[in-house]
Structures are given as structure tokens and as C-alpha cells.
Amino acid sequence: MRLGAIPGATPDKWVTRWRERYPDFALSVDRFDEAGQLERLRAGTVDVGYIRFPEDTPAPTGEDLHRVWLYREAPVVCASRDHWVAAAESSVTWEEIAAEPFFDPEEMRPAAEPEQTTAAEDVHTPKQGADLAAGERMALEVVASGAGLVLLPNSVARMLARRDIVIREIEGIPGYDVGLAWLREADGPVIQEFIGVARGRKPGSGRSEISSGVEPKSASKSDSKSGSASGAKPESKQKPSPKRAAARAAPGRSRPGQKPGSRRGQPPRGRRRPR
């Protein structure tokens, strides 16, 4: 199974759980820009893909795709450290920044020369390093100069964080719905199980339709019996000696090994009253 991730997505926890539970079912992760996220699914480039759309806009997934929403992400504004937005503690309102100039990362993606066909412009080719989210990186470069602002999903801004940029949440505008999508015709037990893992399904759930192939690590009765048969003695508390038991039962009496004349274990003497 091939999972298509987008900038800001962090599927590492799901992937780790999947590989621990289902080592016989290979799972690979490729990263792409947000552009073309539905095209990759319809072309079969990925089996399951991240989708992110503004919460007030119906996602154009169509009848041929299944989808499940996982969480909602806050929108943020990125500004230069010298910009007045940096004075805000944690957030600004949309009314406060609406009149500012903004840069669109989509318009700032590097364009390929007419005579060249580059892999960076192909939405079906995975991207790494600086090629991933190139438009957002360029927008932040311009923003760092103080020329304007850029709006991004919180996870993308954090992924591309820079020392010369501040990130502030925006109040008064919609956030982003983030989820997973896959082709209806490709649906099956393996994809359904991955969706279950992504939604927090516990191992050994009765809803699972595939075998993990991993034996549970738990001690059985036969193990304990074989251990005793092999000569291993079960741990037990050592019984106190009769003398120690008697000393504990009578705390006023001297304990074994106590020096003669010692008052250890006896009631304290009363103090003399001053005359």
C-alpha cells in the first residue's frame, strides 16, 4: 500500500503502528505538494492520500472517492520579525490584517522552462527537501524581507519555520479540514484496516479483517509449568526466624543481637520535673 502525504502531514505514528502490527503488508510513504492530491488518487499513483481543504468549502472528492475527516487545523499568518504582527502575543484578528499585502504560494512555485519537462512540475512525482512545498518556501522568503504576509495551515508553517519569521494564529476566518481519501473501486480490507489505525483502532480489534501475523507477547500457564519443571524455584518471601518473630510480637523485649543494657524497643523514660 502506498500513502501519499502532503506538506505538514505527519503520518509517522500511523506508519510505525502499521509496521508493528502488520509486517506482512508493506506500506510506503511518498510526499507531494498539495496540488494534484485528487489527481494522484484517481490515477492510482497512491492508494490512500491526505486531503486538506478549507472547512467552509465542500471538498470536491466526487462520487468515485471515499473520504474520512480526521482533524481540523488552524490557519496562521506568517510575518517578518520586524512587522507589527510580531507584537501580537499569540493571535491576530482577520480585521487587523485584512488590509495588508498577501502572497499566494501557488503563484510563487518555480515554473519550468518551455523546452524542459522537469520532475518538479509533475504532480505524480514524489518530492524531497527544498523541492517539497517550494511555493510556500519562496513566499516565506519574500515575507522575511517585510514585503507582506502569507496565510498557511498551521502544520505547514511549523514545518517551514524560520528564525526571521513569526507565526500567529488568525481569529475570524475558517480553518482547514484534514483527512484521508481513496478510490471506491480500490477499497478493501487492507485500506479499511489502515483507516482504522489512523483513527485510533486498538490492536486485536474485532473489526479487523486481516491477520497481523504477530503473536501476542503474554505469559501462559504452560510457561510457568515448564519453568518449575526445569528446576526454577518460584520467588517467595523468606519466613522470619522464630526469634525474630517473637521479638516483633513483643516490642518491649530485647531483639536478637541487642547490646546488654540497651533500651531499644522499650518505652521512653519520663523526664524529671524541674523543682
C-alpha atoms as a PDB file:
ATOM      1  CA  MET A   1       0.000   0.000   0.000  1.00  0.00           C
ATOM      2  CA  ARG A   2       1.250   3.472  -0.910  1.00  0.00           C
ATOM      3  CA  LEU A   3       0.350   6.506   1.226  1.00  0.00           C
ATOM      4  CA  GLY A   4       0.573   9.990  -0.287  1.00  0.00           C
ATOM      5  CA  ALA A   5       1.428  12.701   2.269  1.00  0.00           C
ATOM      6  CA  ILE A   6       1.305  16.484   1.776  1.00  0.00           C
ATOM      7  CA  PRO A   7       3.305  19.296   3.436  1.00  0.00           C
ATOM      8  CA  GLY A   8       2.641  19.450   7.174  1.00  0.00           C
ATOM      9  CA  ALA A   9       1.270  15.893   7.397  1.00  0.00           C
ATOM     10  CA  THR A  10       2.939  13.660   9.984  1.00  0.00           C
ATOM     11  CA  PRO A  11       1.911  10.028   9.419  1.00  0.00           C
ATOM     12  CA  ASP A  12       4.958   8.584  11.220  1.00  0.00           C
ATOM     13  CA  LYS A  13       2.928   7.347  14.206  1.00  0.00           C
ATOM     14  CA  TRP A  14       0.429   5.533  11.980  1.00  0.00           C
ATOM     15  CA  VAL A  15       3.185   4.020   9.857  1.00  0.00           C
ATOM     16  CA  THR A  16       5.042   2.746  12.926  1.00  0.00           C
ATOM     17  CA  ARG A  17       1.883   1.148  14.327  1.00  0.00           C
ATOM     18  CA  TRP A  18       1.073  -0.436  10.962  1.00  0.00           C
ATOM     19  CA  ARG A  19       4.523  -1.961  10.528  1.00  0.00           C
ATOM     20  CA  GLU A  20       4.463  -3.328  14.072  1.00  0.00           C
ATOM     21  CA  ARG A  21       1.010  -4.914  13.673  1.00  0.00           C
ATOM     22  CA  TYR A  22       1.121  -5.983  10.037  1.00  0.00           C
ATOM     23  CA  PRO A  23       4.712  -6.684   8.973  1.00  0.00           C
ATOM     24  CA  ASP A  24       3.453  -8.846   6.088  1.00  0.00           C
ATOM     25  CA  PHE A  25       1.675  -5.887   4.456  1.00  0.00           C
ATOM     26  CA  ALA A  26       4.221  -3.403   3.079  1.00  0.00           C
ATOM     27  CA  LEU A  27       3.451   0.300   3.499  1.00  0.00           C
ATOM     28  CA  SER A  28       5.414   3.080   1.790  1.00  0.00           C
ATOM     29  CA  VAL A  29       5.043   6.858   2.226  1.00  0.00           C
ATOM     30  CA  ASP A  30       5.687   9.419  -0.519  1.00  0.00           C
ATOM     31  CA  ARG A  31       5.426  13.186  -0.124  1.00  0.00           C
ATOM     32  CA  PHE A  32       3.894  15.553  -2.647  1.00  0.00           C
ATOM     33  CA  ASP A  33       2.740  19.156  -2.847  1.00  0.00           C
ATOM     34  CA  GLU A  34      -0.943  19.794  -2.174  1.00  0.00           C
ATOM     35  CA  ALA A  35      -1.550  20.488  -5.854  1.00  0.00           C
ATOM     36  CA  GLY A  36      -2.833  17.363  -7.558  1.00  0.00           C
ATOM     37  CA  GLN A  37      -3.791  15.460  -4.400  1.00  0.00           C
ATOM     38  CA  LEU A  38      -7.009  14.149  -6.008  1.00  0.00           C
ATOM     39  CA  GLU A  39      -5.343  13.521  -9.384  1.00  0.00           C
ATOM     40  CA  ARG A  40      -2.865  11.147  -7.774  1.00  0.00           C
ATOM     41  CA  LEU A  41      -5.670   9.106  -6.226  1.00  0.00           C
ATOM     42  CA  ARG A  42      -7.643   8.837  -9.444  1.00  0.00           C
ATOM     43  CA  ALA A  43      -4.535   7.882 -11.417  1.00  0.00           C
ATOM     44  CA  GLY A  44      -3.567   5.186  -8.909  1.00  0.00           C
ATOM     45  CA  THR A  45      -0.284   6.925  -8.050  1.00  0.00           C
ATOM     46  CA  VAL A  46      -1.172   6.428  -4.371  1.00  0.00           C
ATOM     47  CA  ASP A  47      -3.658   4.085  -2.717  1.00  0.00           C
ATOM     48  CA  VAL A  48      -4.535   6.420   0.169  1.00  0.00           C
ATOM     49  CA  GLY A  49      -3.803  10.135   0.201  1.00  0.00           C
ATOM     50  CA  TYR A  50      -4.022  13.083   2.560  1.00  0.00           C
ATOM     51  CA  ILE A  51      -6.525  15.787   1.630  1.00  0.00           C
ATOM     52  CA  ARG A  52      -6.770  19.294   3.078  1.00  0.00           C
ATOM     53  CA  PHE A  53      -9.488  21.800   2.194  1.00  0.00           C
ATOM     54  CA  PRO A  54     -10.887  24.975   3.827  1.00  0.00           C
ATOM     55  CA  GLU A  55     -13.625  23.979   6.247  1.00  0.00           C
ATOM     56  CA  ASP A  56     -16.236  26.231   4.620  1.00  0.00           C
ATOM     57  CA  THR A  57     -15.617  24.762   1.137  1.00  0.00           C
ATOM     58  CA  PRO A  58     -17.093  21.358   0.191  1.00  0.00           C
ATOM     59  CA  ALA A  59     -14.237  19.038  -0.783  1.00  0.00           C
ATOM     60  CA  PRO A  60     -14.526  18.162  -4.500  1.00  0.00           C
ATOM     61  CA  THR A  61     -13.830  14.469  -3.935  1.00  0.00           C
ATOM     62  CA  GLY A  62     -16.698  13.281  -6.146  1.00  0.00           C
ATOM     63  CA  GLU A  63     -18.617  10.014  -6.149  1.00  0.00           C
ATOM     64  CA  ASP A  64     -15.594   7.920  -7.093  1.00  0.00           C
ATOM     65  CA  LEU A  65     -13.722   8.560  -3.843  1.00  0.00           C
ATOM     66  CA  HIS A  66     -14.226   7.629  -0.215  1.00  0.00           C
ATOM     67  CA  ARG A  67     -13.071  10.158   2.360  1.00  0.00           C
ATOM     68  CA  VAL A  68     -12.801  10.444   6.116  1.00  0.00           C
ATOM     69  CA  TRP A  69     -12.012  13.627   8.042  1.00  0.00           C
ATOM     70  CA  LEU A  70      -9.509  13.283  10.876  1.00  0.00           C
ATOM     71  CA  TYR A  71      -8.970  16.724  12.399  1.00  0.00           C
ATOM     72  CA  ARG A  72      -9.336  20.466  11.858  1.00  0.00           C
ATOM     73  CA  GLU A  73      -6.296  22.677  11.503  1.00  0.00           C
ATOM     74  CA  ALA A  74      -5.957  26.337  12.462  1.00  0.00           C
ATOM     75  CA  PRO A  75      -4.979  28.997   9.895  1.00  0.00           C
ATOM     76  CA  VAL A  76      -1.942  31.147  10.702  1.00  0.00           C
ATOM     77  CA  VAL A  77      -0.283  34.255   9.320  1.00  0.00           C
ATOM     78  CA  CYS A  78       3.475  34.428   8.767  1.00  0.00           C
ATOM     79  CA  ALA A  79       5.238  37.779   9.017  1.00  0.00           C
ATOM     80  CA  SER A  80       8.710  39.231   9.318  1.00  0.00           C
ATOM     81  CA  ARG A  81      10.035  39.672  12.849  1.00  0.00           C
ATOM     82  CA  ASP A  82      10.150  43.421  12.121  1.00  0.00           C
ATOM     83  CA  HIS A  83       6.467  43.512  11.150  1.00  0.00           C
ATOM     84  CA  TRP A  84       3.885  44.843  13.616  1.00  0.00           C
ATOM     85  CA  VAL A  85       2.217  41.386  13.658  1.00  0.00           C
ATOM     86  CA  ALA A  86       5.202  40.182  15.696  1.00  0.00           C
ATOM     87  CA  ALA A  87       3.984  42.350  18.599  1.00  0.00           C
ATOM     88  CA  ALA A  88       0.891  40.151  18.999  1.00  0.00           C
ATOM     89  CA  GLU A  89       1.346  37.514  21.701  1.00  0.00           C
ATOM     90  CA  SER A  90      -0.328  34.534  20.060  1.00  0.00           C
ATOM     91  CA  SER A  91      -3.022  35.622  17.580  1.00  0.00           C
ATOM     92  CA  VAL A  92      -4.434  38.445  15.469  1.00  0.00           C
ATOM     93  CA  THR A  93      -7.908  39.021  14.056  1.00  0.00           C
ATOM     94  CA  TRP A  94      -8.658  38.994  10.354  1.00  0.00           C
ATOM     95  CA  GLU A  95      -9.884  42.600  10.580  1.00  0.00           C
ATOM     96  CA  GLU A  96      -6.447  43.674  11.831  1.00  0.00           C
ATOM     97  CA  ILE A  97      -4.534  42.214   8.890  1.00  0.00           C
ATOM     98  CA  ALA A  98      -7.091  42.291   6.040  1.00  0.00           C
ATOM     99  CA  ALA A  99      -5.600  45.459   4.508  1.00  0.00           C
ATOM    100  CA  GLU A 100      -2.049  44.042   4.397  1.00  0.00           C
ATOM    101  CA  PRO A 101      -0.497  42.737   1.139  1.00  0.00           C
ATOM    102  CA  PHE A 102      -0.544  38.919   0.887  1.00  0.00           C
ATOM    103  CA  PHE A 103       1.430  36.446  -1.227  1.00  0.00           C
ATOM    104  CA  ASP A 104      -0.108  33.298  -2.733  1.00  0.00           C
ATOM    105  CA  PRO A 105       2.263  30.290  -2.566  1.00  0.00           C
ATOM    106  CA  GLU A 106       0.558  28.753  -5.617  1.00  0.00           C
ATOM    107  CA  GLU A 107       1.626  31.717  -7.724  1.00  0.00           C
ATOM    108  CA  MET A 108       5.189  31.547  -6.437  1.00  0.00           C
ATOM    109  CA  ARG A 109       6.013  27.987  -7.436  1.00  0.00           C
ATOM    110  CA  PRO A 110       9.008  27.884  -9.774  1.00  0.00           C
ATOM    111  CA  ALA A 111       7.826  27.490 -13.362  1.00  0.00           C
ATOM    112  CA  ALA A 112       9.550  25.099 -15.740  1.00  0.00           C
ATOM    113  CA  GLU A 113      11.094  26.458 -18.898  1.00  0.00           C
ATOM    114  CA  PRO A 114       9.046  25.702 -22.062  1.00  0.00           C
ATOM    115  CA  GLU A 115      11.673  23.414 -23.570  1.00  0.00           C
ATOM    116  CA  GLN A 116      12.151  21.433 -20.366  1.00  0.00           C
ATOM    117  CA  THR A 117       9.955  18.872 -18.667  1.00  0.00           C
ATOM    118  CA  THR A 118      11.045  18.655 -15.052  1.00  0.00           C
ATOM    119  CA  ALA A 119      10.007  16.138 -12.439  1.00  0.00           C
ATOM    120  CA  ALA A 120       9.378  19.026 -10.040  1.00  0.00           C
ATOM    121  CA  GLU A 121       6.344  20.056 -12.143  1.00  0.00           C
ATOM    122  CA  ASP A 122       4.884  16.551 -12.269  1.00  0.00           C
ATOM    123  CA  VAL A 123       2.222  16.107  -9.561  1.00  0.00           C
ATOM    124  CA  HIS A 124       2.789  12.343  -9.663  1.00  0.00           C
ATOM    125  CA  THR A 125       6.495  12.539  -8.786  1.00  0.00           C
ATOM    126  CA  PRO A 126       7.393  12.486  -5.057  1.00  0.00           C
ATOM    127  CA  LYS A 127       9.304  15.499  -3.773  1.00  0.00           C
ATOM    128  CA  GLN A 128      12.050  15.782  -1.180  1.00  0.00           C
ATOM    129  CA  GLY A 129      13.986  18.534   0.547  1.00  0.00           C
ATOM    130  CA  ALA A 130      13.654  22.029  -0.937  1.00  0.00           C
ATOM    131  CA  ASP A 131      11.530  20.704  -3.838  1.00  0.00           C
ATOM    132  CA  LEU A 132       8.711  19.948  -1.389  1.00  0.00           C
ATOM    133  CA  ALA A 133       6.473  23.000  -0.736  1.00  0.00           C
ATOM    134  CA  ALA A 134       8.693  25.135  -2.995  1.00  0.00           C
ATOM    135  CA  GLY A 135       5.966  27.777  -3.430  1.00  0.00           C
ATOM    136  CA  GLU A 136       5.499  28.135   0.319  1.00  0.00           C
ATOM    137  CA  ARG A 137       9.261  28.386   0.832  1.00  0.00           C
ATOM    138  CA  MET A 138       9.530  31.159  -1.773  1.00  0.00           C
ATOM    139  CA  ALA A 139       6.599  33.042  -0.218  1.00  0.00           C
ATOM    140  CA  LEU A 140       8.270  32.930   3.198  1.00  0.00           C
ATOM    141  CA  GLU A 141      11.499  34.179   1.667  1.00  0.00           C
ATOM    142  CA  VAL A 142       9.696  37.291   0.401  1.00  0.00           C
ATOM    143  CA  VAL A 143       7.754  37.682   3.667  1.00  0.00           C
ATOM    144  CA  ALA A 144      11.029  37.673   5.629  1.00  0.00           C
ATOM    145  CA  SER A 145      12.018  40.841   3.778  1.00  0.00           C
ATOM    146  CA  GLY A 146       8.971  42.615   5.215  1.00  0.00           C
ATOM    147  CA  ALA A 147       7.171  42.990   1.880  1.00  0.00           C
ATOM    148  CA  GLY A 148       3.922  41.370   3.040  1.00  0.00           C
ATOM    149  CA  LEU A 149       2.250  38.391   4.703  1.00  0.00           C
ATOM    150  CA  VAL A 150       1.313  34.824   3.811  1.00  0.00           C
ATOM    151  CA  LEU A 151      -1.516  32.645   5.139  1.00  0.00           C
ATOM    152  CA  LEU A 152      -0.772  28.952   5.696  1.00  0.00           C
ATOM    153  CA  PRO A 153      -2.156  25.939   7.554  1.00  0.00           C
ATOM    154  CA  ASN A 154      -0.508  25.767  10.961  1.00  0.00           C
ATOM    155  CA  SER A 155       1.314  22.497  10.289  1.00  0.00           C
ATOM    156  CA  VAL A 156       2.872  23.806   7.068  1.00  0.00           C
ATOM    157  CA  ALA A 157       4.060  26.998   8.758  1.00  0.00           C
ATOM    158  CA  ARG A 158       5.633  24.988  11.599  1.00  0.00           C
ATOM    159  CA  MET A 159       7.318  22.626   9.135  1.00  0.00           C
ATOM    160  CA  LEU A 160       8.908  25.583   7.317  1.00  0.00           C
ATOM    161  CA  ALA A 161       9.579  27.698  10.420  1.00  0.00           C
ATOM    162  CA  ARG A 162      12.438  30.196  10.172  1.00  0.00           C
ATOM    163  CA  ARG A 163      14.149  32.416  12.739  1.00  0.00           C
ATOM    164  CA  ASP A 164      13.318  35.570  10.799  1.00  0.00           C
ATOM    165  CA  ILE A 165       9.590  34.714  10.596  1.00  0.00           C
ATOM    166  CA  VAL A 166       6.882  34.849  13.271  1.00  0.00           C
ATOM    167  CA  ILE A 167       3.741  32.690  13.211  1.00  0.00           C
ATOM    168  CA  ARG A 168       0.456  33.910  14.681  1.00  0.00           C
ATOM    169  CA  GLU A 169      -2.989  32.278  14.632  1.00  0.00           C
ATOM    170  CA  ILE A 170      -5.809  34.156  12.916  1.00  0.00           C
ATOM    171  CA  GLU A 171      -9.195  34.678  14.532  1.00  0.00           C
ATOM    172  CA  GLY A 172     -12.283  35.158  12.391  1.00  0.00           C
ATOM    173  CA  ILE A 173     -11.539  33.005   9.325  1.00  0.00           C
ATOM    174  CA  PRO A 174     -12.210  29.306   8.641  1.00  0.00           C
ATOM    175  CA  GLY A 175      -9.577  26.654   9.302  1.00  0.00           C
ATOM    176  CA  TYR A 176      -8.763  23.549   7.300  1.00  0.00           C
ATOM    177  CA  ASP A 177     -10.287  20.073   7.410  1.00  0.00           C
ATOM    178  CA  VAL A 178      -7.653  17.352   7.064  1.00  0.00           C
ATOM    179  CA  GLY A 179      -8.443  13.759   6.192  1.00  0.00           C
ATOM    180  CA  LEU A 180      -7.716  10.728   4.032  1.00  0.00           C
ATOM    181  CA  ALA A 181      -9.237   9.711   0.711  1.00  0.00           C
ATOM    182  CA  TRP A 182      -9.106   6.616  -1.511  1.00  0.00           C
ATOM    183  CA  LEU A 183     -10.809   5.222  -4.610  1.00  0.00           C
ATOM    184  CA  ARG A 184     -14.071   3.374  -4.028  1.00  0.00           C
ATOM    185  CA  GLU A 185     -13.115   0.702  -6.544  1.00  0.00           C
ATOM    186  CA  ALA A 186      -9.810   0.094  -4.696  1.00  0.00           C
ATOM    187  CA  ASP A 187     -11.488  -0.240  -1.287  1.00  0.00           C
ATOM    188  CA  GLY A 188     -10.738  -3.432   0.613  1.00  0.00           C
ATOM    189  CA  PRO A 189      -9.729  -4.946   3.969  1.00  0.00           C
ATOM    190  CA  VAL A 190      -6.156  -3.597   3.877  1.00  0.00           C
ATOM    191  CA  ILE A 191      -7.180   0.011   3.229  1.00  0.00           C
ATOM    192  CA  GLN A 192     -10.010  -0.225   5.761  1.00  0.00           C
ATOM    193  CA  GLU A 193      -7.591  -1.527   8.365  1.00  0.00           C
ATOM    194  CA  PHE A 194      -5.190   1.372   7.706  1.00  0.00           C
ATOM    195  CA  ILE A 195      -8.039   3.864   8.087  1.00  0.00           C
ATOM    196  CA  GLY A 196      -8.851   2.157  11.391  1.00  0.00           C
ATOM    197  CA  VAL A 197      -5.259   2.552  12.563  1.00  0.00           C
ATOM    198  CA  ALA A 198      -5.308   6.232  11.569  1.00  0.00           C
ATOM    199  CA  ARG A 199      -8.494   6.703  13.610  1.00  0.00           C
ATOM    200  CA  GLY A 200      -7.002   5.058  16.690  1.00  0.00           C
ATOM    201  CA  ARG A 201      -8.207   1.462  16.399  1.00  0.00           C
ATOM    202  CA  LYS A 202      -6.528  -0.736  19.032  1.00  0.00           C
ATOM    203  CA  PRO A 203      -4.618  -3.910  18.122  1.00  0.00           C
ATOM    204  CA  GLY A 204      -6.705  -7.094  18.183  1.00  0.00           C
ATOM    205  CA  SER A 205      -9.937  -5.228  17.431  1.00  0.00           C
ATOM    206  CA  GLY A 206     -12.815  -7.453  16.364  1.00  0.00           C
ATOM    207  CA  ARG A 207     -13.379  -5.163  13.388  1.00  0.00           C
ATOM    208  CA  SER A 208     -10.064  -6.145  11.800  1.00  0.00           C
ATOM    209  CA  GLU A 209     -10.435  -8.226   8.620  1.00  0.00           C
ATOM    210  CA  ILE A 210      -6.749  -9.022   8.099  1.00  0.00           C
ATOM    211  CA  SER A 211      -4.370 -11.142  10.138  1.00  0.00           C
ATOM    212  CA  SER A 212      -1.476  -9.358  11.801  1.00  0.00           C
ATOM    213  CA  GLY A 213       0.856 -12.355  11.722  1.00  0.00           C
ATOM    214  CA  VAL A 214       2.311 -11.196  15.051  1.00  0.00           C
ATOM    215  CA  GLU A 215       1.895 -13.485  18.063  1.00  0.00           C
ATOM    216  CA  PRO A 216       0.866 -11.690  21.266  1.00  0.00           C
ATOM    217  CA  LYS A 217       3.596 -11.475  23.865  1.00  0.00           C
ATOM    218  CA  SER A 218       1.948 -12.838  27.016  1.00  0.00           C
ATOM    219  CA  ALA A 219       2.969 -15.377  29.623  1.00  0.00           C
ATOM    220  CA  SER A 220       0.966 -18.622  29.549  1.00  0.00           C
ATOM    221  CA  LYS A 221       0.367 -21.299  32.169  1.00  0.00           C
ATOM    222  CA  SER A 222       2.472 -23.779  30.238  1.00  0.00           C
ATOM    223  CA  ASP A 223       5.441 -21.368  30.520  1.00  0.00           C
ATOM    224  CA  SER A 224       5.113 -21.259  34.307  1.00  0.00           C
ATOM    225  CA  LYS A 225       4.817 -25.035  34.492  1.00  0.00           C
ATOM    226  CA  SER A 226       7.817 -25.593  32.265  1.00  0.00           C
ATOM    227  CA  GLY A 227       9.763 -23.143  34.394  1.00  0.00           C
ATOM    228  CA  SER A 228       9.021 -25.087  37.583  1.00  0.00           C
ATOM    229  CA  ALA A 229       9.753 -28.394  35.880  1.00  0.00           C
ATOM    230  CA  SER A 230      13.162 -27.191  34.761  1.00  0.00           C
ATOM    231  CA  GLY A 231      14.145 -26.624  38.370  1.00  0.00           C
ATOM    232  CA  ALA A 232      13.431 -22.888  38.620  1.00  0.00           C
ATOM    233  CA  LYS A 233      12.049 -22.121  42.071  1.00  0.00           C
ATOM    234  CA  PRO A 234       9.269 -19.579  42.317  1.00  0.00           C
ATOM    235  CA  GLU A 235      10.149 -16.483  44.256  1.00  0.00           C
ATOM    236  CA  SER A 236       8.710 -16.482  47.771  1.00  0.00           C
ATOM    237  CA  LYS A 237       9.047 -14.314  50.805  1.00  0.00           C
ATOM    238  CA  GLN A 238      11.579 -15.609  53.307  1.00  0.00           C
ATOM    239  CA  LYS A 239       9.920 -16.546  56.575  1.00  0.00           C
ATOM    240  CA  PRO A 240      11.373 -14.813  59.637  1.00  0.00           C
ATOM    241  CA  SER A 241      13.179 -16.955  62.210  1.00  0.00           C
ATOM    242  CA  PRO A 242      11.288 -17.879  65.424  1.00  0.00           C
ATOM    243  CA  LYS A 243      13.449 -15.470  67.457  1.00  0.00           C
ATOM    244  CA  ARG A 244      12.712 -12.567  65.132  1.00  0.00           C
ATOM    245  CA  ALA A 245       9.021 -13.404  65.119  1.00  0.00           C
ATOM    246  CA  ALA A 246       8.957 -13.396  68.917  1.00  0.00           C
ATOM    247  CA  ALA A 247      10.798 -10.082  69.025  1.00  0.00           C
ATOM    248  CA  ARG A 248       8.286  -8.480  66.659  1.00  0.00           C
ATOM    249  CA  ALA A 249       5.361  -9.851  68.657  1.00  0.00           C
ATOM    250  CA  ALA A 250       6.739  -8.338  71.890  1.00  0.00           C
ATOM    251  CA  PRO A 251       8.219  -4.934  71.006  1.00  0.00           C
ATOM    252  CA  GLY A 252       9.107  -4.210  74.644  1.00  0.00           C
ATOM    253  CA  ARG A 253      11.560  -7.100  74.788  1.00  0.00           C
ATOM    254  CA  SER A 254      15.132  -7.053  73.594  1.00  0.00           C
ATOM    255  CA  ARG A 255      15.698  -8.096  69.995  1.00  0.00           C
ATOM    256  CA  PRO A 256      18.335 -10.642  68.975  1.00  0.00           C
ATOM    257  CA  GLY A 257      21.786  -9.153  68.841  1.00  0.00           C
ATOM    258  CA  GLN A 258      20.850  -6.211  71.077  1.00  0.00           C
ATOM    259  CA  LYS A 259      23.555  -4.970  73.437  1.00  0.00           C
ATOM    260  CA  PRO A 260      23.074  -5.568  77.191  1.00  0.00           C
ATOM    261  CA  GLY A 261      21.528  -2.612  78.935  1.00  0.00           C
ATOM    262  CA  SER A 262      20.190  -1.121  75.713  1.00  0.00           C
ATOM    263  CA  ARG A 263      16.684   0.365  75.914  1.00  0.00           C
ATOM    264  CA  ARG A 264      15.960  -0.173  72.221  1.00  0.00           C
ATOM    265  CA  GLY A 265      12.377  -1.335  71.805  1.00  0.00           C
ATOM    266  CA  GLN A 266      11.363  -0.175  75.341  1.00  0.00           C
ATOM    267  CA  PRO A 267       9.091   2.753  76.254  1.00  0.00           C
ATOM    268  CA  PRO A 268      10.924   6.096  76.750  1.00  0.00           C
ATOM    269  CA  ARG A 269      11.689   7.162  80.300  1.00  0.00           C
ATOM    270  CA  GLY A 270       9.777  10.067  81.752  1.00  0.00           C
ATOM    271  CA  ARG A 271      11.549  13.396  82.182  1.00  0.00           C
ATOM    272  CA  ARG A 272      12.168  14.773  85.636  1.00  0.00           C
ATOM    273  CA  ARG A 273      10.118  17.753  86.579  1.00  0.00           C
ATOM    274  CA  PRO A 274      12.137  20.874  87.473  1.00  0.00           C
ATOM    275  CA  ARG A 275      11.992  21.691  91.167  1.00  0.00           C
END
